[in-house]
Amino acid sequence: MKNQISKIMQLLESNYLDKNRTTLNSMRQNPDPFKILVSCLISLRTQDKNTAIASNRLFAQATTPQQIIKLPLKKLEKLIYSSGHYKKKSRILKSVSKEILERFNNKVPQSEEELLTIKGVGRKTANIVRRFAYNKSDALPVDVNVHRVVNRLGWVQTKDADKSEEELRNILPKKFWEEFNATMILHGKSICVPISPKCSQCMISQYCPRVGVGKSR
């Protein structure tokens, strides 16, 4: 299994280079833990281009917990409107900012345990902050795109991203962990899409059992 995974990951990594990074992955170049946390919360249930628009608009006005707390709620909602679910996300951003300021002395925690105590922060967000902001080698971010791809490949048989992460930790060679999130998200959004994946264009189609795939292109 690990040999097959290594072969597939080498093929995928050669195709999805640094210049093609998603908004969150690009933030690793000049990591700001709070901004990465905020962008990750904004990115939930939206396309990457909307994450970029909303994040850039917000960061032009506020880049610290204090500044987000001081923003009127309606203004915050308007700034991140493009990300969708902006009312809920605005409330979460306010709440998370307050916790960072009051509980963690204005510093985003590095440990998974502490991050998960913050209301609104789940495993994916905690792993992204730890990997992209603090370069923690044990962090393995897995979202719905990664979850979908690895299940179709037959690497895991799981019902949610958290369970996929748990199983991937046992089978994914450590040398691929750093680029795994970026590689799989880009593949999942360009080729291995949720509905009617583009299997005819997929460079790893010969290795993929297409588990759960009905119609494809």
C-alpha atoms as a PDB file:
ATOM      1  CA  MET A   1       0.000   0.000   0.000  1.00  0.00           C
ATOM      2  CA  LYS A   2       2.703   2.516   0.981  1.00  0.00           C
ATOM      3  CA  ASN A   3       4.643   1.889  -2.241  1.00  0.00           C
ATOM      4  CA  GLN A   4       1.515   2.558  -4.287  1.00  0.00           C
ATOM      5  CA  ILE A   5       0.756   5.708  -2.287  1.00  0.00           C
ATOM      6  CA  SER A   6       4.316   6.945  -2.799  1.00  0.00           C
ATOM      7  CA  LYS A   7       4.093   6.428  -6.555  1.00  0.00           C
ATOM      8  CA  ILE A   8       0.786   8.306  -6.760  1.00  0.00           C
ATOM      9  CA  MET A   9       1.972  11.160  -4.554  1.00  0.00           C
ATOM     10  CA  GLN A  10       5.122  11.633  -6.637  1.00  0.00           C
ATOM     11  CA  LEU A  11       3.009  11.933  -9.786  1.00  0.00           C
ATOM     12  CA  LEU A  12       0.588  14.392  -8.186  1.00  0.00           C
ATOM     13  CA  GLU A  13       3.277  16.540  -6.578  1.00  0.00           C
ATOM     14  CA  SER A  14       5.049  16.877  -9.923  1.00  0.00           C
ATOM     15  CA  ASN A  15       1.861  18.319 -11.412  1.00  0.00           C
ATOM     16  CA  TYR A  16       0.769  20.699  -8.645  1.00  0.00           C
ATOM     17  CA  LEU A  17       3.734  22.979  -8.129  1.00  0.00           C
ATOM     18  CA  ASP A  18       4.268  25.813  -5.642  1.00  0.00           C
ATOM     19  CA  LYS A  19       2.951  28.483  -8.013  1.00  0.00           C
ATOM     20  CA  ASN A  20      -0.469  26.813  -8.006  1.00  0.00           C
ATOM     21  CA  ARG A  21      -1.028  27.089  -4.251  1.00  0.00           C
ATOM     22  CA  THR A  22      -4.399  27.808  -2.737  1.00  0.00           C
ATOM     23  CA  THR A  23      -4.952  30.985  -0.696  1.00  0.00           C
ATOM     24  CA  LEU A  24      -4.241  29.235   2.606  1.00  0.00           C
ATOM     25  CA  ASN A  25      -1.180  27.414   1.306  1.00  0.00           C
ATOM     26  CA  SER A  26       0.279  30.621  -0.118  1.00  0.00           C
ATOM     27  CA  MET A  27       0.120  32.174   3.357  1.00  0.00           C
ATOM     28  CA  ARG A  28       2.837  29.773   4.495  1.00  0.00           C
ATOM     29  CA  GLN A  29       5.406  31.938   2.689  1.00  0.00           C
ATOM     30  CA  ASN A  30       4.986  34.757   5.244  1.00  0.00           C
ATOM     31  CA  PRO A  31       3.122  33.081   8.077  1.00  0.00           C
ATOM     32  CA  ASP A  32       0.965  35.134  10.419  1.00  0.00           C
ATOM     33  CA  PRO A  33      -0.807  32.683  12.763  1.00  0.00           C
ATOM     34  CA  PHE A  34      -3.835  34.894  13.381  1.00  0.00           C
ATOM     35  CA  LYS A  35      -4.377  35.721   9.715  1.00  0.00           C
ATOM     36  CA  ILE A  36      -4.046  32.057   8.778  1.00  0.00           C
ATOM     37  CA  LEU A  37      -6.602  31.138  11.438  1.00  0.00           C
ATOM     38  CA  VAL A  38      -9.007  33.825  10.214  1.00  0.00           C
ATOM     39  CA  SER A  39      -8.633  32.867   6.551  1.00  0.00           C
ATOM     40  CA  CYS A  40      -9.225  29.230   7.397  1.00  0.00           C
ATOM     41  CA  LEU A  41     -12.462  30.095   9.195  1.00  0.00           C
ATOM     42  CA  ILE A  42     -13.510  32.237   6.224  1.00  0.00           C
ATOM     43  CA  SER A  43     -12.699  29.391   3.801  1.00  0.00           C
ATOM     44  CA  LEU A  44     -15.252  26.977   5.247  1.00  0.00           C
ATOM     45  CA  ARG A  45     -17.867  25.969   2.667  1.00  0.00           C
ATOM     46  CA  THR A  46     -16.677  28.343  -0.047  1.00  0.00           C
ATOM     47  CA  GLN A  47     -14.467  28.395  -3.127  1.00  0.00           C
ATOM     48  CA  ASP A  48     -10.853  29.449  -2.856  1.00  0.00           C
ATOM     49  CA  LYS A  49     -11.335  32.584  -4.957  1.00  0.00           C
ATOM     50  CA  ASN A  50     -14.018  33.754  -2.506  1.00  0.00           C
ATOM     51  CA  THR A  51     -11.705  33.051   0.417  1.00  0.00           C
ATOM     52  CA  ALA A  52      -9.063  35.257  -1.187  1.00  0.00           C
ATOM     53  CA  ILE A  53     -11.473  38.115  -1.866  1.00  0.00           C
ATOM     54  CA  ALA A  54     -12.988  38.061   1.627  1.00  0.00           C
ATOM     55  CA  SER A  55      -9.632  37.686   3.384  1.00  0.00           C
ATOM     56  CA  ASN A  56      -8.010  40.520   1.457  1.00  0.00           C
ATOM     57  CA  ARG A  57     -10.934  42.851   2.112  1.00  0.00           C
ATOM     58  CA  LEU A  58     -10.919  42.034   5.814  1.00  0.00           C
ATOM     59  CA  PHE A  59      -7.147  42.320   6.235  1.00  0.00           C
ATOM     60  CA  ALA A  60      -7.215  45.756   4.637  1.00  0.00           C
ATOM     61  CA  GLN A  61      -9.285  46.822   7.659  1.00  0.00           C
ATOM     62  CA  ALA A  62      -8.248  44.467  10.468  1.00  0.00           C
ATOM     63  CA  THR A  63      -5.344  42.068  11.072  1.00  0.00           C
ATOM     64  CA  THR A  64      -5.402  41.549  14.841  1.00  0.00           C
ATOM     65  CA  PRO A  65      -7.907  40.183  17.366  1.00  0.00           C
ATOM     66  CA  GLN A  66      -8.413  43.663  18.824  1.00  0.00           C
ATOM     67  CA  GLN A  67      -9.181  45.164  15.434  1.00  0.00           C
ATOM     68  CA  ILE A  68     -11.719  42.467  14.539  1.00  0.00           C
ATOM     69  CA  ILE A  69     -13.382  42.833  17.934  1.00  0.00           C
ATOM     70  CA  LYS A  70     -13.699  46.591  17.378  1.00  0.00           C
ATOM     71  CA  LEU A  71     -15.222  46.230  13.912  1.00  0.00           C
ATOM     72  CA  PRO A  72     -19.001  46.732  13.920  1.00  0.00           C
ATOM     73  CA  LEU A  73     -20.672  43.400  13.184  1.00  0.00           C
ATOM     74  CA  LYS A  74     -22.456  44.740  10.102  1.00  0.00           C
ATOM     75  CA  LYS A  75     -19.191  46.039   8.674  1.00  0.00           C
ATOM     76  CA  LEU A  76     -17.483  42.701   9.296  1.00  0.00           C
ATOM     77  CA  GLU A  77     -20.332  40.904   7.542  1.00  0.00           C
ATOM     78  CA  LYS A  78     -19.981  43.209   4.546  1.00  0.00           C
ATOM     79  CA  LEU A  79     -16.228  42.670   4.353  1.00  0.00           C
ATOM     80  CA  ILE A  80     -16.493  38.866   4.199  1.00  0.00           C
ATOM     81  CA  TYR A  81     -19.793  38.729   2.295  1.00  0.00           C
ATOM     82  CA  SER A  82     -18.188  37.016  -0.731  1.00  0.00           C
ATOM     83  CA  SER A  83     -17.319  33.944   1.343  1.00  0.00           C
ATOM     84  CA  GLY A  84     -20.950  32.991   1.942  1.00  0.00           C
ATOM     85  CA  HIS A  85     -22.497  32.166   5.334  1.00  0.00           C
ATOM     86  CA  TYR A  86     -21.088  35.566   6.272  1.00  0.00           C
ATOM     87  CA  LYS A  87     -23.382  36.173   9.248  1.00  0.00           C
ATOM     88  CA  LYS A  88     -22.363  32.950  11.002  1.00  0.00           C
ATOM     89  CA  LYS A  89     -18.719  33.398  10.076  1.00  0.00           C
ATOM     90  CA  SER A  90     -18.700  36.970  11.391  1.00  0.00           C
ATOM     91  CA  ARG A  91     -20.003  35.819  14.769  1.00  0.00           C
ATOM     92  CA  ILE A  92     -17.371  33.073  14.875  1.00  0.00           C
ATOM     93  CA  LEU A  93     -14.583  35.511  13.978  1.00  0.00           C
ATOM     94  CA  LYS A  94     -15.679  37.837  16.767  1.00  0.00           C
ATOM     95  CA  SER A  95     -15.843  34.975  19.268  1.00  0.00           C
ATOM     96  CA  VAL A  96     -12.503  33.458  18.235  1.00  0.00           C
ATOM     97  CA  SER A  97     -10.797  36.864  18.350  1.00  0.00           C
ATOM     98  CA  LYS A  98     -12.079  37.423  21.873  1.00  0.00           C
ATOM     99  CA  GLU A  99     -10.814  34.028  23.022  1.00  0.00           C
ATOM    100  CA  ILE A 100      -7.375  34.595  21.470  1.00  0.00           C
ATOM    101  CA  LEU A 101      -7.141  37.965  23.193  1.00  0.00           C
ATOM    102  CA  GLU A 102      -8.484  36.984  26.614  1.00  0.00           C
ATOM    103  CA  ARG A 103      -7.483  33.340  27.026  1.00  0.00           C
ATOM    104  CA  PHE A 104      -4.220  33.181  25.110  1.00  0.00           C
ATOM    105  CA  ASN A 105      -2.732  36.635  25.694  1.00  0.00           C
ATOM    106  CA  ASN A 106      -3.289  37.731  22.103  1.00  0.00           C
ATOM    107  CA  LYS A 107      -1.275  34.805  20.645  1.00  0.00           C
ATOM    108  CA  VAL A 108      -2.696  31.937  18.594  1.00  0.00           C
ATOM    109  CA  PRO A 109      -1.755  28.741  20.453  1.00  0.00           C
ATOM    110  CA  GLN A 110       0.506  26.175  18.819  1.00  0.00           C
ATOM    111  CA  SER A 111      -0.794  23.008  20.444  1.00  0.00           C
ATOM    112  CA  GLU A 112      -3.647  20.990  18.997  1.00  0.00           C
ATOM    113  CA  GLU A 113      -5.156  20.598  22.448  1.00  0.00           C
ATOM    114  CA  GLU A 114      -5.389  24.341  23.060  1.00  0.00           C
ATOM    115  CA  LEU A 115      -6.596  25.164  19.552  1.00  0.00           C
ATOM    116  CA  LEU A 116      -9.442  22.669  19.845  1.00  0.00           C
ATOM    117  CA  THR A 117     -10.685  24.378  23.014  1.00  0.00           C
ATOM    118  CA  ILE A 118     -11.541  27.475  20.955  1.00  0.00           C
ATOM    119  CA  LYS A 119     -15.197  27.447  19.942  1.00  0.00           C
ATOM    120  CA  GLY A 120     -15.455  27.277  16.157  1.00  0.00           C
ATOM    121  CA  VAL A 121     -12.063  25.614  15.641  1.00  0.00           C
ATOM    122  CA  GLY A 122     -12.170  22.005  14.474  1.00  0.00           C
ATOM    123  CA  ARG A 123      -9.456  19.503  13.602  1.00  0.00           C
ATOM    124  CA  LYS A 124      -8.957  20.747  10.043  1.00  0.00           C
ATOM    125  CA  THR A 125      -8.531  24.350  11.171  1.00  0.00           C
ATOM    126  CA  ALA A 126      -6.218  23.352  14.015  1.00  0.00           C
ATOM    127  CA  ASN A 127      -4.056  21.297  11.664  1.00  0.00           C
ATOM    128  CA  ILE A 128      -3.868  24.105   9.091  1.00  0.00           C
ATOM    129  CA  VAL A 129      -2.774  26.614  11.734  1.00  0.00           C
ATOM    130  CA  ARG A 130      -0.179  24.224  13.130  1.00  0.00           C
ATOM    131  CA  ARG A 131       1.180  23.224   9.716  1.00  0.00           C
ATOM    132  CA  PHE A 132       1.021  26.545   7.830  1.00  0.00           C
ATOM    133  CA  ALA A 133       1.691  28.996  10.662  1.00  0.00           C
ATOM    134  CA  TYR A 134       4.004  26.983  12.910  1.00  0.00           C
ATOM    135  CA  ASN A 135       5.349  24.311  10.523  1.00  0.00           C
ATOM    136  CA  LYS A 136       4.518  21.511  12.916  1.00  0.00           C
ATOM    137  CA  SER A 137       5.573  18.256  11.277  1.00  0.00           C
ATOM    138  CA  ASP A 138       2.857  16.205  12.995  1.00  0.00           C
ATOM    139  CA  ALA A 139       0.019  18.336  11.570  1.00  0.00           C
ATOM    140  CA  LEU A 140      -1.884  16.725   8.680  1.00  0.00           C
ATOM    141  CA  PRO A 141      -4.742  18.947   7.432  1.00  0.00           C
ATOM    142  CA  VAL A 142      -7.585  16.958   5.852  1.00  0.00           C
ATOM    143  CA  ASP A 143     -10.701  18.628   4.456  1.00  0.00           C
ATOM    144  CA  VAL A 144     -13.642  17.350   2.406  1.00  0.00           C
ATOM    145  CA  ASN A 145     -11.620  17.480  -0.835  1.00  0.00           C
ATOM    146  CA  VAL A 146      -8.788  15.403   0.598  1.00  0.00           C
ATOM    147  CA  HIS A 147     -11.323  13.050   2.183  1.00  0.00           C
ATOM    148  CA  ARG A 148     -13.077  12.514  -1.162  1.00  0.00           C
ATOM    149  CA  VAL A 149      -9.889  11.847  -3.136  1.00  0.00           C
ATOM    150  CA  VAL A 150      -8.339   9.344  -0.729  1.00  0.00           C
ATOM    151  CA  ASN A 151     -11.609   7.418  -0.451  1.00  0.00           C
ATOM    152  CA  ARG A 152     -11.945   7.184  -4.233  1.00  0.00           C
ATOM    153  CA  LEU A 153      -8.361   5.947  -4.377  1.00  0.00           C
ATOM    154  CA  GLY A 154      -9.271   3.253  -1.886  1.00  0.00           C
ATOM    155  CA  TRP A 155      -6.619   4.306   0.619  1.00  0.00           C
ATOM    156  CA  VAL A 156      -9.256   4.624   3.330  1.00  0.00           C
ATOM    157  CA  GLN A 157     -12.931   3.779   3.751  1.00  0.00           C
ATOM    158  CA  THR A 158     -14.260   6.519   5.985  1.00  0.00           C
ATOM    159  CA  LYS A 159     -17.343   8.684   6.430  1.00  0.00           C
ATOM    160  CA  ASP A 160     -15.755  12.008   7.357  1.00  0.00           C
ATOM    161  CA  ALA A 161     -12.555  14.014   7.067  1.00  0.00           C
ATOM    162  CA  ASP A 162     -11.550  13.560  10.706  1.00  0.00           C
ATOM    163  CA  LYS A 163     -11.634   9.779  10.378  1.00  0.00           C
ATOM    164  CA  SER A 164      -9.713   9.996   7.095  1.00  0.00           C
ATOM    165  CA  GLU A 165      -7.019  12.009   8.841  1.00  0.00           C
ATOM    166  CA  GLU A 166      -6.775   9.398  11.582  1.00  0.00           C
ATOM    167  CA  GLU A 167      -6.273   6.568   9.099  1.00  0.00           C
ATOM    168  CA  LEU A 168      -3.945   8.521   6.809  1.00  0.00           C
ATOM    169  CA  ARG A 169      -1.581   9.044   9.706  1.00  0.00           C
ATOM    170  CA  ASN A 170      -0.943   5.295   9.651  1.00  0.00           C
ATOM    171  CA  ILE A 171      -0.430   4.796   5.901  1.00  0.00           C
ATOM    172  CA  LEU A 172       0.849   8.052   4.373  1.00  0.00           C
ATOM    173  CA  PRO A 173       4.665   8.225   4.320  1.00  0.00           C
ATOM    174  CA  LYS A 174       5.812  11.162   6.432  1.00  0.00           C
ATOM    175  CA  LYS A 175       7.814  12.711   3.595  1.00  0.00           C
ATOM    176  CA  PHE A 176       4.550  13.631   1.852  1.00  0.00           C
ATOM    177  CA  TRP A 177       2.820  15.257   4.815  1.00  0.00           C
ATOM    178  CA  GLU A 178       4.092  18.799   4.192  1.00  0.00           C
ATOM    179  CA  GLU A 179       2.652  19.096   0.665  1.00  0.00           C
ATOM    180  CA  PHE A 180      -0.224  16.634   1.058  1.00  0.00           C
ATOM    181  CA  ASN A 181      -2.970  19.160   1.782  1.00  0.00           C
ATOM    182  CA  ALA A 182      -2.047  21.454  -1.113  1.00  0.00           C
ATOM    183  CA  THR A 183      -1.617  18.594  -3.569  1.00  0.00           C
ATOM    184  CA  MET A 184      -4.870  16.827  -2.747  1.00  0.00           C
ATOM    185  CA  ILE A 185      -6.983  19.990  -2.569  1.00  0.00           C
ATOM    186  CA  LEU A 186      -5.764  21.142  -5.972  1.00  0.00           C
ATOM    187  CA  HIS A 187      -6.398  17.694  -7.451  1.00  0.00           C
ATOM    188  CA  GLY A 188      -9.799  17.465  -5.768  1.00  0.00           C
ATOM    189  CA  LYS A 189     -10.909  20.851  -7.079  1.00  0.00           C
ATOM    190  CA  SER A 190      -9.572  20.523 -10.618  1.00  0.00           C
ATOM    191  CA  ILE A 191      -9.905  16.825 -11.528  1.00  0.00           C
ATOM    192  CA  CYS A 192     -11.408  14.691  -8.765  1.00  0.00           C
ATOM    193  CA  VAL A 193     -14.425  16.970  -8.351  1.00  0.00           C
ATOM    194  CA  PRO A 194     -17.463  15.913  -6.285  1.00  0.00           C
ATOM    195  CA  ILE A 195     -19.841  15.302  -9.199  1.00  0.00           C
ATOM    196  CA  SER A 196     -18.729  13.586 -12.413  1.00  0.00           C
ATOM    197  CA  PRO A 197     -14.951  13.624 -11.836  1.00  0.00           C
ATOM    198  CA  LYS A 198     -12.696  14.152 -14.860  1.00  0.00           C
ATOM    199  CA  CYS A 199     -11.211  10.658 -14.864  1.00  0.00           C
ATOM    200  CA  SER A 200     -10.243  10.834 -18.546  1.00  0.00           C
ATOM    201  CA  GLN A 201      -7.904  13.736 -17.702  1.00  0.00           C
ATOM    202  CA  CYS A 202      -6.481  12.217 -14.514  1.00  0.00           C
ATOM    203  CA  MET A 203      -2.781  11.359 -14.471  1.00  0.00           C
ATOM    204  CA  ILE A 204      -3.296   8.680 -11.823  1.00  0.00           C
ATOM    205  CA  SER A 205      -6.383   7.049 -13.346  1.00  0.00           C
ATOM    206  CA  GLN A 206      -4.489   3.796 -13.963  1.00  0.00           C
ATOM    207  CA  TYR A 207      -3.938   3.452 -10.211  1.00  0.00           C
ATOM    208  CA  CYS A 208      -7.415   4.525  -9.110  1.00  0.00           C
ATOM    209  CA  PRO A 209     -10.212   1.997  -8.418  1.00  0.00           C
ATOM    210  CA  ARG A 210     -12.720   4.893  -8.492  1.00  0.00           C
ATOM    211  CA  VAL A 211     -14.436   3.755  -5.320  1.00  0.00           C
ATOM    212  CA  GLY A 212     -17.944   5.203  -5.159  1.00  0.00           C
ATOM    213  CA  VAL A 213     -17.688   6.903  -8.550  1.00  0.00           C
ATOM    214  CA  GLY A 214     -20.704   6.468 -10.797  1.00  0.00           C
ATOM    215  CA  LYS A 215     -20.636   8.856 -13.710  1.00  0.00           C
ATOM    216  CA  SER A 216     -17.316  10.350 -14.768  1.00  0.00           C
ATOM    217  CA  ARG A 217     -15.953  12.397 -17.645  1.00  0.00           C
END
